[in-house]
Amino acid sequence: MQSTPKALRLHIGLFGRRNVGKSSLLNAITRQQVSIVSEFAGTTTDPVEKPMELLPLGPVQFVDTAGVDDEGALGALRIARTKAIFERVDLGVIVTEADAWGAFEEALFAELKGRNVPILVVFNKQDLNHVTREEQTALETRGAAVVAVSAATGAGVLDLREALLKLAPGDFFENRRLVSDLVPPGEIAVLVVPIDKEAPKGRLILPQVMTIRDLLDGESMSVVCQERELKHALASLAKPPALVVTDSQAFLKVAADVPKGVPMTSFSILMARFQGDLVEQVRGTMGIEKLKGGDTVLIAETCSHHPVGEDIGRVKIPRWLTQYVGAKVNFANVQGRDFPQDLSPYQLIVHCGNCTGNRREMLSRLHRCKTAGVPMTNYGLTIAYSLGIFERALAPFPAALAAYQELKAAQ
């Protein structure tokens, strides 16, 4: 890996009417020609993303959206793609001009406010028309930060960067731990990493890399092996490891080889905790019990890899779920940002670990599922439940295990 993954970046979205200078502003902030700019409205057709280090804050992901006041069939598509960005921004920037604040900007403000997203209002084009102090104060009293800039001249851009640093959630980069809180400093975690057709040539998949790095940050150690080497690896250790983490596809063999007293889980379940709400997804897993013949399960992935061989989302999970239900279940698949607006056709949603997305997006999807009354679970949770090792896979997470046991007792 050459850069910080998207999952660990603070996502900053730029919203506003067409031709208010969002793209010029992004270019000025990043000091690069990231977005194409033009005097014609609607130049940006798809969200443009730019990762960068916003020091002293850290890694961020800027998202320059298309103007959401667009018209026509193409405009409707642009608007839909822009609205999807609301679900994953950690900080929202509304770009406008002096004397231009109106119902449209109010709608953007309300959308971000309703999601508890910090808001920065940027009055651009100050070289042409100055914003009044009254306009700024009115927005500041409603909880927004306000800056006046000119992307064309560079005036106010340093103030803008300073405002972004102040608005960023203070604990965003500090309190999130993938696995190191489960493995004390100086202790060992054994990571089981199968090398199969879907393993990228010459590298590890992202959750595995993130786990190794987090263990290093926590001053813990890791032993990495394939599933067929696990018994030998465990026997080579002077004492049992603090944790064994496996690829979910190898759950059964790993569960058989790891002594009962050693905590065990999967990379996917770690990602469910890190990227979303593990307890809520454990509750969603219980939706498996309500599945019956003819029901439809949606398999959702945030990455867009090309499926090969025994693909986990298209072959293995459908096979395991069908065997567990004991009847023919229908399966649908979506990838990337194509998470459906209408969830009513589905009786269960099984989501990947979301290593290429971010936490706010996953929490938004969980909220939408809960509102729609559709249970949502995770790849690793689904596999562990279908294979009968759910409690063991949840043992490292007391709150999630307690939630499952409570639900099971209530059945």
Protein backbone atom coordinates (compact mmCIF):
# COMPACT_ATOMS: atom_id res chain seq x y z
CA MET A 1 0.00 0.00 0.00
CA GLN A 2 1.31 3.43 -0.98
CA SER A 3 -1.31 5.60 0.73
CA THR A 4 -3.86 5.66 3.53
CA PRO A 5 -6.98 3.69 2.50
CA LYS A 6 -10.29 5.51 2.02
CA ALA A 7 -11.73 3.80 5.09
CA LEU A 8 -9.30 5.73 7.30
CA ARG A 9 -9.72 9.13 5.63
CA LEU A 10 -11.95 11.99 6.78
CA HIS A 11 -14.41 12.53 3.91
CA ILE A 12 -15.09 16.21 3.07
CA GLY A 13 -17.87 16.90 0.56
CA LEU A 14 -18.24 20.09 -1.50
CA PHE A 15 -21.88 20.91 -2.34
CA GLY A 16 -23.58 23.81 -4.13
CA ARG A 17 -25.23 25.12 -7.24
CA ARG A 18 -23.67 24.76 -10.65
CA ASN A 19 -20.98 27.29 -11.47
CA VAL A 20 -20.41 28.61 -7.93
CA GLY A 21 -16.79 27.51 -8.19
CA LYS A 22 -16.69 24.23 -6.26
CA SER A 23 -14.11 22.73 -8.61
CA SER A 24 -11.97 25.88 -8.59
CA LEU A 25 -12.13 25.86 -4.80
CA LEU A 26 -10.98 22.23 -4.63
CA ASN A 27 -8.09 23.02 -6.96
CA ALA A 28 -7.13 25.97 -4.74
CA ILE A 29 -7.28 23.89 -1.54
CA THR A 30 -5.22 21.03 -2.96
CA ARG A 31 -2.94 23.29 -5.03
CA GLN A 32 -3.52 20.91 -7.95
CA GLN A 33 -5.69 20.82 -11.06
CA VAL A 34 -7.89 18.04 -9.66
CA SER A 35 -11.17 19.12 -11.26
CA ILE A 36 -11.85 20.54 -14.71
CA VAL A 37 -13.15 24.11 -14.48
CA SER A 38 -15.09 26.12 -17.04
CA GLU A 39 -17.32 29.19 -17.25
CA PHE A 40 -20.11 26.86 -18.40
CA ALA A 41 -22.41 25.52 -15.67
CA GLY A 42 -22.43 21.74 -15.12
CA THR A 43 -18.83 20.96 -16.09
CA THR A 44 -18.51 18.46 -13.22
CA THR A 45 -20.67 15.47 -14.16
CA ASP A 46 -19.58 12.89 -11.57
CA PRO A 47 -18.16 13.31 -8.06
CA VAL A 48 -14.40 13.92 -8.26
CA GLU A 49 -12.40 12.51 -5.35
CA LYS A 50 -9.01 13.69 -4.22
CA PRO A 51 -7.06 12.12 -1.34
CA MET A 52 -4.53 14.35 0.39
CA GLU A 53 -2.80 15.05 3.68
CA LEU A 54 -4.43 18.06 5.34
CA LEU A 55 -1.79 18.82 7.92
CA PRO A 56 -1.76 18.86 10.86
CA LEU A 57 -5.07 16.95 10.75
CA GLY A 58 -4.03 13.95 8.66
CA PRO A 59 -5.39 12.00 5.66
CA VAL A 60 -8.61 13.35 4.12
CA GLN A 61 -10.69 12.60 1.02
CA PHE A 62 -12.20 15.61 -0.76
CA VAL A 63 -15.31 14.92 -2.86
CA ASP A 64 -16.23 17.56 -5.43
CA THR A 65 -19.87 16.96 -6.38
CA ALA A 66 -21.84 17.91 -9.46
CA GLY A 67 -24.23 20.85 -9.01
CA VAL A 68 -27.51 19.56 -7.58
CA ASP A 69 -29.64 22.25 -9.23
CA ASP A 70 -29.22 20.49 -12.59
CA GLU A 71 -31.99 19.85 -15.10
CA GLY A 72 -33.04 17.16 -17.57
CA ALA A 73 -32.42 13.41 -17.68
CA LEU A 74 -28.64 13.74 -17.34
CA GLY A 75 -29.15 16.28 -14.58
CA ALA A 76 -31.32 13.81 -12.65
CA LEU A 77 -28.51 11.25 -12.80
CA ARG A 78 -25.97 13.81 -11.59
CA ILE A 79 -28.28 14.77 -8.73
CA ALA A 80 -28.75 11.13 -7.68
CA ARG A 81 -24.99 10.55 -7.61
CA THR A 82 -24.41 13.75 -5.67
CA LYS A 83 -27.10 12.92 -3.10
CA ALA A 84 -25.42 9.59 -2.45
CA ILE A 85 -22.37 11.52 -1.22
CA PHE A 86 -24.39 12.83 1.74
CA GLU A 87 -24.29 9.31 3.15
CA ARG A 88 -20.53 9.21 3.48
CA VAL A 89 -19.26 12.72 4.24
CA ASP A 90 -17.85 13.48 7.69
CA LEU A 91 -17.74 17.21 7.01
CA GLY A 92 -19.89 19.18 4.56
CA VAL A 93 -18.85 22.33 2.67
CA ILE A 94 -21.65 24.41 1.12
CA VAL A 95 -20.20 26.65 -1.58
CA THR A 96 -22.22 29.74 -2.52
CA GLU A 97 -21.82 33.43 -3.41
CA ALA A 98 -22.71 36.71 -1.73
CA ASP A 99 -26.45 37.51 -1.97
CA ALA A 100 -27.12 34.03 -3.43
CA TRP A 101 -28.21 32.14 -0.29
CA GLY A 102 -31.73 30.86 -0.80
CA ALA A 103 -34.05 27.87 -0.56
CA PHE A 104 -31.60 25.65 -2.42
CA GLU A 105 -28.77 26.32 0.05
CA GLU A 106 -31.23 25.94 2.92
CA ALA A 107 -32.07 22.43 1.66
CA LEU A 108 -28.36 21.51 1.60
CA PHE A 109 -27.94 22.97 5.09
CA ALA A 110 -30.92 20.98 6.42
CA GLU A 111 -29.67 17.73 4.83
CA LEU A 112 -26.26 18.02 6.47
CA LYS A 113 -27.68 19.26 9.78
CA GLY A 114 -30.12 16.36 9.88
CA ARG A 115 -27.21 13.94 9.58
CA ASN A 116 -25.22 15.71 12.35
CA VAL A 117 -22.47 16.57 9.87
CA PRO A 118 -20.32 19.64 10.71
CA ILE A 119 -21.03 22.42 8.17
CA LEU A 120 -18.70 24.98 6.64
CA VAL A 121 -20.31 27.65 4.43
CA VAL A 122 -17.91 29.13 1.88
CA PHE A 123 -18.82 32.38 0.13
CA ASN A 124 -16.74 32.18 -3.04
CA LYS A 125 -15.97 34.82 -5.70
CA GLN A 126 -15.24 37.54 -3.14
CA ASP A 127 -13.22 39.32 -5.80
CA LEU A 128 -16.54 40.07 -7.51
CA ASN A 129 -19.00 40.57 -4.65
CA HIS A 130 -18.43 40.74 -0.88
CA VAL A 131 -20.57 38.86 1.65
CA THR A 132 -21.97 41.02 4.45
CA ARG A 133 -21.23 40.52 8.12
CA GLU A 134 -24.98 40.09 8.69
CA GLU A 135 -25.07 37.11 6.31
CA GLN A 136 -22.13 35.48 8.08
CA THR A 137 -23.52 36.06 11.57
CA ALA A 138 -26.94 34.63 10.65
CA LEU A 139 -25.32 31.34 9.61
CA GLU A 140 -22.87 31.23 12.52
CA THR A 141 -25.71 31.52 15.03
CA ARG A 142 -27.18 28.35 13.47
CA GLY A 143 -23.99 26.38 14.10
CA ALA A 144 -22.14 26.73 10.80
CA ALA A 145 -18.63 28.00 10.30
CA VAL A 146 -18.35 30.67 7.60
CA VAL A 147 -15.42 31.86 5.46
CA ALA A 148 -15.18 34.21 2.50
CA VAL A 149 -12.74 33.33 -0.28
CA SER A 150 -11.82 33.89 -3.87
CA ALA A 151 -10.66 30.71 -5.57
CA ALA A 152 -9.58 32.85 -8.53
CA THR A 153 -7.13 35.00 -6.55
CA GLY A 154 -6.39 32.66 -3.64
CA ALA A 155 -7.66 35.17 -1.08
CA GLY A 156 -9.08 33.44 2.01
CA VAL A 157 -7.91 29.93 1.03
CA LEU A 158 -5.66 29.71 4.11
CA ASP A 159 -8.64 30.72 6.27
CA LEU A 160 -10.63 27.95 4.58
CA ARG A 161 -8.00 25.33 5.37
CA GLU A 162 -7.89 26.55 8.98
CA ALA A 163 -11.69 26.29 9.24
CA LEU A 164 -11.60 22.71 7.94
CA LEU A 165 -9.03 21.78 10.58
CA LYS A 166 -11.15 23.30 13.36
CA LEU A 167 -14.38 21.63 12.21
CA ALA A 168 -12.99 18.11 11.79
CA PRO A 169 -14.17 15.74 14.56
CA GLY A 170 -11.40 15.79 17.15
CA ASP A 171 -11.35 12.05 17.79
CA PHE A 172 -11.69 10.90 14.17
CA PHE A 173 -8.10 9.65 13.87
CA GLU A 174 -7.45 8.89 17.54
CA ASN A 175 -10.07 6.55 19.00
CA ARG A 176 -10.59 4.00 16.24
CA ARG A 177 -8.91 0.63 16.68
CA LEU A 178 -9.37 -2.29 14.34
CA VAL A 179 -7.81 -5.02 16.47
CA SER A 180 -5.05 -3.65 18.71
CA ASP A 181 -7.46 -3.14 21.64
CA LEU A 182 -7.96 -6.93 21.64
CA VAL A 183 -4.25 -7.78 21.65
CA PRO A 184 -2.23 -6.20 24.50
CA PRO A 185 1.20 -4.70 23.75
CA GLY A 186 3.81 -7.43 23.47
CA GLU A 187 1.21 -10.15 22.82
CA ILE A 188 0.76 -12.09 19.57
CA ALA A 189 -2.12 -12.33 17.11
CA VAL A 190 -2.13 -15.16 14.56
CA LEU A 191 -3.56 -14.06 11.22
CA VAL A 192 -4.81 -16.78 8.87
CA VAL A 193 -4.56 -15.59 5.27
CA PRO A 194 -5.59 -18.07 2.56
CA ILE A 195 -3.91 -17.52 -0.79
CA ASP A 196 -6.49 -18.36 -3.45
CA LYS A 197 -7.61 -17.15 -6.89
CA GLU A 198 -9.15 -13.97 -5.44
CA ALA A 199 -6.04 -12.96 -3.47
CA PRO A 200 -4.38 -10.10 -5.44
CA LYS A 201 -1.07 -11.23 -6.93
CA GLY A 202 1.92 -10.04 -4.92
CA ARG A 203 -0.07 -8.35 -2.14
CA LEU A 204 -2.59 -8.89 0.65
CA ILE A 205 -6.18 -7.69 0.65
CA LEU A 206 -6.87 -4.43 2.43
CA PRO A 207 -8.39 -5.71 5.73
CA GLN A 208 -5.33 -7.93 6.25
CA VAL A 209 -2.95 -5.03 5.67
CA MET A 210 -4.99 -2.78 7.97
CA THR A 211 -4.92 -5.44 10.70
CA ILE A 212 -1.15 -5.87 10.52
CA ARG A 213 -0.60 -2.11 10.64
CA ASP A 214 -2.96 -1.65 13.60
CA LEU A 215 -1.16 -4.39 15.53
CA LEU A 216 2.15 -2.64 14.86
CA ASP A 217 0.67 0.66 16.04
CA GLY A 218 -0.48 -1.08 19.22
CA GLU A 219 3.02 -2.50 19.80
CA SER A 220 1.66 -6.03 19.36
CA MET A 221 3.06 -8.78 17.15
CA SER A 222 1.53 -10.83 14.36
CA VAL A 223 2.22 -14.27 12.93
CA VAL A 224 0.81 -14.65 9.42
CA CYS A 225 0.12 -18.07 7.92
CA GLN A 226 -2.20 -19.97 5.62
CA GLU A 227 -4.91 -22.23 7.02
CA ARG A 228 -2.94 -25.40 6.30
CA GLU A 229 0.00 -24.02 8.33
CA LEU A 230 -2.09 -22.94 11.34
CA LYS A 231 -1.54 -26.00 13.55
CA HIS A 232 2.22 -25.77 13.08
CA ALA A 233 2.20 -22.03 13.73
CA LEU A 234 0.28 -22.46 16.99
CA ALA A 235 2.55 -25.29 18.11
CA SER A 236 5.60 -23.09 17.45
CA LEU A 237 4.51 -20.42 19.91
CA ALA A 238 5.79 -20.47 23.49
CA LYS A 239 2.30 -19.58 24.74
CA PRO A 240 -1.16 -19.32 23.16
CA PRO A 241 -1.82 -16.17 21.10
CA ALA A 242 -4.08 -13.43 22.40
CA LEU A 243 -6.26 -13.74 19.28
CA VAL A 244 -6.60 -15.67 16.04
CA VAL A 245 -8.07 -13.80 13.08
CA THR A 246 -9.03 -15.68 9.94
CA ASP A 247 -10.43 -15.06 6.53
CA SER A 248 -14.13 -15.93 6.95
CA GLN A 249 -13.98 -18.50 4.16
CA ALA A 250 -11.64 -20.65 6.30
CA PHE A 251 -13.78 -20.38 9.46
CA LEU A 252 -14.59 -24.09 9.87
CA LYS A 253 -11.02 -25.38 9.54
CA VAL A 254 -9.62 -22.62 11.73
CA ALA A 255 -12.27 -23.20 14.40
CA ALA A 256 -11.30 -26.86 14.43
CA ASP A 257 -7.57 -26.16 14.75
CA VAL A 258 -7.67 -23.36 17.34
CA PRO A 259 -7.95 -24.53 20.99
CA LYS A 260 -11.26 -23.62 22.62
CA GLY A 261 -9.65 -21.25 25.11
CA VAL A 262 -8.07 -19.06 22.42
CA PRO A 263 -10.27 -16.17 21.14
CA MET A 264 -11.02 -16.39 17.43
CA THR A 265 -12.81 -14.18 14.92
CA SER A 266 -12.52 -13.06 11.28
CA PHE A 267 -11.24 -10.04 9.38
CA SER A 268 -14.77 -9.37 8.15
CA ILE A 269 -16.20 -9.25 11.68
CA LEU A 270 -13.40 -6.92 12.75
CA MET A 271 -14.40 -4.66 9.85
CA ALA A 272 -18.07 -4.81 10.89
CA ARG A 273 -17.07 -3.35 14.26
CA PHE A 274 -14.57 -0.86 12.82
CA GLN A 275 -16.66 0.40 9.93
CA GLY A 276 -20.19 0.17 11.30
CA ASP A 277 -22.15 -1.05 14.30
CA LEU A 278 -21.33 -4.65 15.20
CA VAL A 279 -24.17 -5.04 17.70
CA GLU A 280 -26.71 -3.81 15.15
CA GLN A 281 -25.35 -6.18 12.51
CA VAL A 282 -25.47 -9.07 14.98
CA ARG A 283 -29.16 -8.27 15.41
CA GLY A 284 -29.48 -8.19 11.64
CA THR A 285 -27.90 -11.62 11.39
CA MET A 286 -30.89 -13.05 13.22
CA GLY A 287 -32.89 -12.23 10.11
CA ILE A 288 -31.44 -15.43 8.67
CA GLU A 289 -33.82 -17.35 10.91
CA LYS A 290 -36.82 -15.75 9.19
CA LEU A 291 -35.72 -16.59 5.65
CA LYS A 292 -37.94 -18.97 3.70
CA GLY A 293 -38.13 -20.32 0.19
CA GLY A 294 -38.70 -17.62 -2.43
CA ASP A 295 -37.26 -14.79 -0.31
CA THR A 296 -34.64 -12.49 -1.83
CA VAL A 297 -31.29 -11.71 -0.21
CA LEU A 298 -29.22 -8.75 -1.40
CA ILE A 299 -25.43 -9.24 -1.38
CA ALA A 300 -23.79 -5.79 -1.28
CA GLU A 301 -20.11 -4.99 -1.86
CA THR A 302 -18.51 -1.54 -1.81
CA CYS A 303 -15.58 -2.58 -4.01
CA SER A 304 -15.96 -3.44 -7.69
CA HIS A 305 -13.60 -6.39 -8.12
CA HIS A 306 -14.12 -8.79 -11.00
CA PRO A 307 -15.57 -12.01 -9.54
CA VAL A 308 -13.62 -15.19 -10.28
CA GLY A 309 -14.03 -18.86 -9.43
CA GLU A 310 -15.74 -19.55 -6.10
CA ASP A 311 -16.57 -15.90 -5.43
CA ILE A 312 -17.59 -15.39 -1.81
CA GLY A 313 -20.52 -13.07 -2.52
CA ARG A 314 -21.88 -14.83 -5.59
CA VAL A 315 -21.17 -18.49 -4.86
CA LYS A 316 -20.10 -19.34 -1.32
CA ILE A 317 -22.45 -17.23 0.81
CA PRO A 318 -25.49 -18.13 -1.35
CA ARG A 319 -24.53 -21.80 -1.03
CA TRP A 320 -24.12 -21.68 2.77
CA LEU A 321 -27.32 -19.68 3.28
CA THR A 322 -29.32 -21.98 1.02
CA GLN A 323 -28.06 -25.01 2.93
CA TYR A 324 -28.95 -23.38 6.25
CA VAL A 325 -32.44 -22.31 5.17
CA GLY A 326 -33.11 -25.63 3.49
CA ALA A 327 -35.07 -24.04 0.64
CA LYS A 328 -34.40 -22.12 -2.57
CA VAL A 329 -33.56 -18.49 -1.79
CA ASN A 330 -33.11 -15.83 -4.47
CA PHE A 331 -29.97 -13.67 -4.47
CA ALA A 332 -29.25 -10.26 -5.97
CA ASN A 333 -25.86 -8.50 -6.08
CA VAL A 334 -24.82 -4.84 -6.11
CA GLN A 335 -21.33 -3.31 -6.13
CA GLY A 336 -19.72 0.03 -5.45
CA ARG A 337 -22.08 2.95 -4.78
CA ASP A 338 -25.09 1.21 -6.32
CA PHE A 339 -26.85 0.53 -3.03
CA PRO A 340 -30.58 0.56 -3.88
CA GLN A 341 -32.91 3.30 -2.67
CA ASP A 342 -35.86 0.89 -2.49
CA LEU A 343 -35.09 -1.93 -0.05
CA SER A 344 -38.59 -3.43 0.01
CA PRO A 345 -37.81 -6.34 -2.39
CA TYR A 346 -35.31 -7.83 0.09
CA GLN A 347 -35.80 -9.87 3.24
CA LEU A 348 -32.12 -9.69 4.24
CA ILE A 349 -29.06 -7.69 3.22
CA VAL A 350 -25.58 -9.22 3.56
CA HIS A 351 -22.88 -6.55 3.30
CA CYS A 352 -19.14 -6.91 2.82
CA GLY A 353 -16.67 -5.51 5.34
CA ASN A 354 -16.65 -2.15 3.50
CA CYS A 355 -12.87 -1.81 3.48
CA THR A 356 -13.01 0.54 0.47
CA GLY A 357 -15.80 2.71 1.90
CA ASN A 358 -15.97 4.70 5.10
CA ARG A 359 -17.77 4.35 8.42
CA ARG A 360 -20.35 7.08 7.92
CA GLU A 361 -21.51 5.47 4.67
CA MET A 362 -21.93 2.12 6.41
CA LEU A 363 -23.83 3.70 9.31
CA SER A 364 -26.09 5.46 6.79
CA ARG A 365 -26.84 2.16 5.09
CA LEU A 366 -27.55 0.51 8.42
CA HIS A 367 -29.92 3.32 9.34
CA ARG A 368 -31.75 3.05 6.03
CA CYS A 369 -32.15 -0.70 6.48
CA LYS A 370 -33.45 -0.29 10.01
CA THR A 371 -35.93 2.37 8.87
CA ALA A 372 -37.12 0.09 6.07
CA GLY A 373 -37.43 -2.88 8.44
CA VAL A 374 -34.89 -4.96 6.49
CA PRO A 375 -32.24 -6.74 8.61
CA MET A 376 -28.65 -6.12 7.54
CA THR A 377 -25.70 -8.33 8.42
CA ASN A 378 -22.12 -8.84 7.26
CA TYR A 379 -20.17 -11.46 5.28
CA GLY A 380 -18.25 -12.84 8.27
CA LEU A 381 -21.27 -12.82 10.59
CA THR A 382 -23.38 -14.61 7.98
CA ILE A 383 -20.75 -17.29 7.38
CA ALA A 384 -20.16 -17.89 11.10
CA TYR A 385 -23.91 -18.14 11.76
CA SER A 386 -24.56 -20.46 8.80
CA LEU A 387 -21.72 -22.75 9.88
CA GLY A 388 -22.77 -22.92 13.54
CA ILE A 389 -19.80 -21.10 15.09
CA PHE A 390 -21.45 -17.73 15.71
CA GLU A 391 -20.92 -17.51 19.47
CA ARG A 392 -17.28 -18.44 19.18
CA ALA A 393 -16.68 -15.81 16.48
CA LEU A 394 -18.32 -13.18 18.73
CA ALA A 395 -16.48 -14.17 21.91
CA PRO A 396 -13.85 -11.36 21.59
CA PHE A 397 -16.70 -8.79 21.58
CA PRO A 398 -18.69 -9.05 24.86
CA ALA A 399 -21.38 -6.51 23.94
CA ALA A 400 -22.10 -8.19 20.60
CA LEU A 401 -22.14 -11.65 22.20
CA ALA A 402 -24.50 -10.46 24.94
CA ALA A 403 -26.85 -8.97 22.33
CA TYR A 404 -26.94 -12.28 20.45
CA GLN A 405 -27.55 -14.33 23.59
CA GLU A 406 -30.38 -11.99 24.61
CA LEU A 407 -32.01 -12.31 21.19
CA LYS A 408 -31.57 -16.07 21.22
CA ALA A 409 -33.15 -16.37 24.66
CA ALA A 410 -36.14 -14.31 23.49
CA GLN A 411 -36.85 -16.60 20.52
